Each structure stands twice: as structure tokens, then as C-alpha cells.
Amino acid sequence: MKFFSCLSVLLISQSVIAQDVPQSRLFNEFSVSGNHSLAISNDYPLKNTFGYGASIYHSYHLDRKINPVVGIEYISTHFWMDKISDGKTTYYTDADFYYHQLRIPFSLRFNWGKKSTFFVETGLYLSIVFSNQIIGDINQYKNNIFVTEPVRSKISSNPGIGLSMGIGVQIPLKKKKGSLIFRFDTNEGTGRTNMGAGSPNESVIFYNLYLRTSVIYRLPVKRL
């Protein structure tokens, strides 16, 4: 339900912004990306922090120096922890964390240059974690015996809002086949996972922090 509410906001914003734009496509940019998580924890350090993503956008006013950009982004992040607490006596070891997010970004792209255009892009985003899990070993007492067992379980996380800032270059393709855009951005937002919430040994992971590199294909402008 949260995602569909965000999608409704996206479609309404498109109809408002696009009133004087010579384009009829709902989305005109398609992206694949790789990311490096900067997630932090108050417990043990994080390692193997790489992930991927895919996105669709609509950028407006392509004949101007400032382009509003809205879209839908899928972000998958991953990291590994040697050990993390989940309460007074329970803890995980050799733990892989996987986060899957849907994001709705609202940004502005500031361009300069003629043939190849350089830009700075900044904006806000809404983030919803729709699937995340931990895979590893759980160490806990069972019937007064301390045991270690493999585990694969879902973990809950709060949705968040965040700020993205990036730079990039747009290179037009030959024969008016559109453009390739290369973008590097940093993303920092709210959103956290509480392991063993309320316990003295509570562990907190701030997951919504990462660097991202994207390759974007922009369709050629379709005149009405």
C-alpha cells in the first residue's frame, strides 16, 4: 500500500510538470547500477558491501539547463558481519544481510556544456524496504543448552527519506538514437534495523547509506 501511494504521487507530479514538455512517454530514461554500501552499526564492522539496482525515470525540459527528474528505483544492497547481537544472550555469526528497496526520487539536474553535457544532480527520495533477510548462524540457549544453528530469517526495517547528490556526463549517440548518461552519486537517508530492540545489547544498523554508479540510456526526444 505504501508503494502504491508513492506511485500515485509520482504520476500526479508527472502530469503537473509535463504540461509544456514536447514528449509523450511516461518514462524516458532506463538505468542499471552498482552500489557500495556505507551502512554502519554500533556492533561489529561490516564487510563485502556491494549491490546492484535498476531504475526508470522521466526527465523534463530537456531543452533547458535545469531538468526535473522523477522515477522509480530498485536498490539491492548487501553486507556481511562476523557477529551481531540480537538480545541479551542471542547473537548471529557469519551473517549476510540483504536489503531490497523501492525508492521514489525527486531531483534536479543542472547541466552545462554543448555536445557532451556535464551535470550536477541533487534531490530527495522516499525509500521503502519490501524484503530483507539475514542468512547465517544463530547462537542461543535451547532447553538450557547453548546451540549454534543455521538460520535464514526476515528482519524488519523502517522506511526512510534521504538526500542524493551526484555528478555525471551525458553523451549523445549517433543518428539521434538517444543518449548515454554516466552518473556517480552518494545517498544518505534515514532508515534502520534494530536487532534485539529494547534489550541492553541492542544492535542498530543504519542501512540507507551508499555510493552508486549508474549507466543510463535516455530515449530520443519524441516531438508531439
Protein backbone atom coordinates (compact mmCIF):
# COMPACT_ATOMS: atom_id res chain seq x y z
CA MET A 1 0.00 0.00 0.00
CA LYS A 2 2.84 2.41 0.81
CA PHE A 3 4.40 1.77 -2.58
CA PHE A 4 1.16 2.44 -4.47
CA SER A 5 0.69 5.68 -2.52
CA CYS A 6 4.18 6.79 -3.56
CA LEU A 7 3.48 5.74 -7.15
CA SER A 8 0.32 7.89 -7.17
CA VAL A 9 2.36 10.89 -6.03
CA LEU A 10 4.85 10.18 -8.83
CA LEU A 11 2.17 10.06 -11.54
CA ILE A 12 0.49 13.24 -10.28
CA SER A 13 3.85 15.08 -10.25
CA GLN A 14 4.48 13.95 -13.82
CA SER A 15 1.17 15.30 -15.04
CA VAL A 16 1.87 18.68 -13.42
CA ILE A 17 5.47 19.05 -14.61
CA ALA A 18 4.88 17.74 -18.12
CA GLN A 19 2.27 20.27 -19.25
CA ASP A 20 4.65 22.10 -21.63
CA VAL A 21 7.08 19.28 -22.43
CA PRO A 22 7.28 18.06 -26.06
CA GLN A 23 7.23 14.37 -25.01
CA SER A 24 4.52 11.76 -24.55
CA ARG A 25 6.46 8.90 -22.95
CA LEU A 26 5.80 8.07 -19.33
CA PHE A 27 9.49 7.18 -18.81
CA ASN A 28 12.41 8.24 -20.99
CA GLU A 29 15.47 7.05 -19.03
CA PHE A 30 16.43 3.46 -18.11
CA SER A 31 19.27 2.67 -15.76
CA VAL A 32 21.35 -0.16 -14.32
CA SER A 33 23.65 0.49 -11.37
CA GLY A 34 26.13 -0.92 -8.91
CA ASN A 35 26.43 0.28 -5.33
CA HIS A 36 28.85 0.18 -2.42
CA SER A 37 27.08 0.20 0.94
CA LEU A 38 28.30 2.59 3.63
CA ALA A 39 25.96 1.07 6.23
CA ILE A 40 27.17 1.42 9.80
CA SER A 41 26.45 -0.47 13.01
CA ASN A 42 27.04 0.11 16.69
CA ASP A 43 28.22 -3.51 16.88
CA TYR A 44 30.80 -5.21 14.65
CA PRO A 45 32.16 -3.76 11.37
CA LEU A 46 30.55 -4.53 8.00
CA LYS A 47 32.30 -6.13 5.01
CA ASN A 48 31.51 -7.26 1.42
CA THR A 49 29.31 -4.24 0.91
CA PHE A 50 28.36 -4.41 -2.77
CA GLY A 51 24.99 -4.49 -4.51
CA TYR A 52 23.10 -3.57 -7.67
CA GLY A 53 19.97 -1.85 -8.93
CA ALA A 54 17.73 -0.88 -11.84
CA SER A 55 15.67 2.27 -12.36
CA ILE A 56 13.30 4.07 -14.69
CA TYR A 57 12.97 7.86 -14.82
CA HIS A 58 11.29 10.71 -16.59
CA SER A 59 13.41 13.82 -17.04
CA TYR A 60 11.67 17.03 -18.11
CA HIS A 61 12.54 20.20 -20.02
CA LEU A 62 15.40 18.56 -21.92
CA ASP A 63 15.98 21.74 -23.90
CA ARG A 64 16.77 23.69 -20.71
CA LYS A 65 19.70 23.87 -18.31
CA ILE A 66 17.69 22.51 -15.38
CA ASN A 67 15.81 19.19 -15.68
CA PRO A 68 13.41 17.93 -13.00
CA VAL A 69 13.73 14.14 -12.72
CA VAL A 70 11.29 11.69 -11.10
CA GLY A 71 11.19 7.91 -11.27
CA ILE A 72 11.10 4.50 -9.62
CA GLU A 73 14.27 2.81 -8.39
CA TYR A 74 15.01 -0.72 -7.23
CA ILE A 75 18.06 -0.94 -4.96
CA SER A 76 19.59 -4.17 -3.63
CA THR A 77 22.31 -3.81 -1.00
CA HIS A 78 24.32 -6.46 0.79
CA PHE A 79 26.85 -6.64 3.60
CA TRP A 80 28.41 -9.25 5.88
CA MET A 81 29.08 -9.18 9.61
CA ASP A 82 31.23 -11.56 11.60
CA LYS A 83 28.97 -11.19 14.62
CA ILE A 84 25.92 -9.19 15.71
CA SER A 85 23.85 -9.29 18.89
CA ASP A 86 20.11 -9.89 18.94
CA GLY A 87 19.30 -9.63 22.61
CA LYS A 88 20.81 -10.50 25.97
CA THR A 89 22.20 -13.94 25.07
CA THR A 90 21.33 -14.45 21.39
CA TYR A 91 23.68 -13.42 18.60
CA TYR A 92 24.32 -14.13 14.93
CA THR A 93 27.66 -15.12 13.40
CA ASP A 94 28.84 -15.27 9.77
CA ALA A 95 25.79 -13.16 8.93
CA ASP A 96 24.87 -11.94 5.43
CA PHE A 97 22.31 -9.12 5.27
CA TYR A 98 20.26 -8.48 2.11
CA TYR A 99 18.10 -5.36 1.67
CA HIS A 100 15.70 -4.78 -1.24
CA GLN A 101 14.28 -1.27 -1.55
CA LEU A 102 11.90 0.63 -3.78
CA ARG A 103 12.64 4.34 -3.98
CA ILE A 104 10.77 7.29 -5.42
CA PRO A 105 13.32 10.04 -6.24
CA PHE A 106 12.60 13.73 -6.90
CA SER A 107 15.70 15.54 -8.14
CA LEU A 108 17.01 18.46 -10.19
CA ARG A 109 19.73 18.05 -12.82
CA PHE A 110 21.83 21.17 -13.53
CA ASN A 111 23.52 20.96 -16.96
CA TRP A 112 26.31 22.80 -18.76
CA GLY A 113 28.16 22.16 -22.00
CA LYS A 114 27.10 21.71 -25.61
CA LYS A 115 27.74 18.38 -27.34
CA SER A 116 28.59 16.30 -24.27
CA THR A 117 26.73 17.71 -21.28
CA PHE A 118 28.10 17.63 -17.75
CA PHE A 119 25.70 17.89 -14.84
CA VAL A 120 25.23 18.03 -11.10
CA GLU A 121 22.13 16.31 -9.74
CA THR A 122 20.63 16.61 -6.27
CA GLY A 123 17.32 15.71 -4.73
CA LEU A 124 15.26 13.81 -2.17
CA TYR A 125 13.87 10.30 -2.17
CA LEU A 126 11.33 8.14 -0.36
CA SER A 127 12.59 4.64 0.48
CA ILE A 128 10.56 1.51 1.28
CA VAL A 129 12.22 -1.78 2.21
CA PHE A 130 9.93 -4.51 0.85
CA SER A 131 12.16 -7.52 1.51
CA ASN A 132 15.22 -8.06 3.67
CA GLN A 133 16.72 -11.04 5.40
CA ILE A 134 19.66 -12.36 7.36
CA ILE A 135 21.43 -15.61 6.45
CA GLY A 136 24.00 -17.08 8.84
CA ASP A 137 24.25 -18.92 12.15
CA ILE A 138 22.20 -18.16 15.25
CA ASN A 139 23.72 -18.84 18.66
CA GLN A 140 21.27 -19.19 21.53
CA TYR A 141 20.13 -21.22 24.54
CA LYS A 142 17.61 -24.01 23.94
CA ASN A 143 16.49 -26.10 26.92
CA ASN A 144 19.42 -24.73 28.92
CA ILE A 145 21.88 -25.82 26.22
CA PHE A 146 23.77 -23.29 24.13
CA VAL A 147 23.46 -24.29 20.45
CA THR A 148 24.54 -22.95 17.07
CA GLU A 149 22.17 -23.45 14.14
CA PRO A 150 21.95 -22.18 10.56
CA VAL A 151 19.26 -19.55 10.05
CA ARG A 152 17.55 -17.71 7.22
CA SER A 153 15.00 -15.24 8.51
CA LYS A 154 13.32 -11.98 7.61
CA ILE A 155 14.16 -8.84 9.55
CA SER A 156 12.09 -5.68 9.80
CA SER A 157 13.35 -2.22 8.93
CA ASN A 158 11.91 1.26 8.99
CA PRO A 159 11.13 3.14 5.76
CA GLY A 160 13.10 6.31 5.25
CA ILE A 161 13.67 9.53 3.39
CA GLY A 162 17.03 10.68 2.14
CA LEU A 163 19.20 13.03 0.15
CA SER A 164 21.12 12.14 -3.01
CA MET A 165 23.88 14.21 -4.63
CA GLY A 166 25.78 13.28 -7.75
CA ILE A 167 27.72 14.29 -10.84
CA GLY A 168 27.70 12.89 -14.35
CA VAL A 169 28.03 13.32 -18.08
CA GLN A 170 25.57 12.86 -20.92
CA ILE A 171 26.93 11.71 -24.30
CA PRO A 172 24.62 11.86 -27.36
CA LEU A 173 24.55 8.79 -29.57
CA LYS A 174 24.90 8.94 -33.35
CA LYS A 175 21.94 9.23 -35.72
CA LYS A 176 19.75 10.68 -32.98
CA LYS A 177 19.49 7.36 -31.15
CA GLY A 178 19.23 8.96 -27.74
CA SER A 179 21.97 9.48 -25.16
CA LEU A 180 24.12 7.59 -22.70
CA ILE A 181 24.41 9.06 -19.22
CA PHE A 182 27.07 8.10 -16.68
CA ARG A 183 26.29 9.17 -13.12
CA PHE A 184 28.02 8.79 -9.77
CA ASP A 185 26.06 9.74 -6.66
CA THR A 186 26.06 9.42 -2.91
CA ASN A 187 22.89 8.57 -0.99
CA GLU A 188 22.30 9.24 2.67
CA GLY A 189 18.95 8.69 4.37
CA THR A 190 17.05 7.64 7.43
CA GLY A 191 16.09 4.02 7.87
CA ARG A 192 17.49 1.48 10.30
CA THR A 193 17.28 -2.09 11.54
CA ASN A 194 17.05 -2.76 15.28
CA MET A 195 18.33 -6.20 16.31
CA GLY A 196 17.08 -7.10 19.78
CA ALA A 197 15.12 -3.86 20.18
CA GLY A 198 14.76 -2.80 23.79
CA SER A 199 17.42 -5.14 25.15
CA PRO A 200 20.64 -3.91 26.81
CA ASN A 201 22.64 -5.44 23.93
CA GLU A 202 20.51 -3.95 21.15
CA SER A 203 22.31 -3.66 17.81
CA VAL A 204 21.36 -0.91 15.36
CA ILE A 205 22.20 -0.92 11.64
CA PHE A 206 21.80 2.26 9.61
CA TYR A 207 21.42 0.68 6.17
CA ASN A 208 20.34 3.59 3.95
CA LEU A 209 23.85 4.89 3.16
CA TYR A 210 25.69 4.03 -0.06
CA LEU A 211 27.62 5.16 -3.11
CA ARG A 212 26.20 4.33 -6.55
CA THR A 213 27.45 4.27 -10.12
CA SER A 214 24.79 4.25 -12.86
CA VAL A 215 24.69 3.82 -16.61
CA ILE A 216 21.53 5.38 -18.05
CA TYR A 217 20.07 5.22 -21.54
CA ARG A 218 17.87 8.18 -22.47
CA LEU A 219 15.44 7.76 -25.32
CA PRO A 220 15.49 10.33 -28.13
CA VAL A 221 13.05 13.21 -27.71
CA LYS A 222 9.68 12.41 -29.19
CA ARG A 223 8.05 15.54 -30.53
CA LEU A 224 4.28 15.85 -30.44
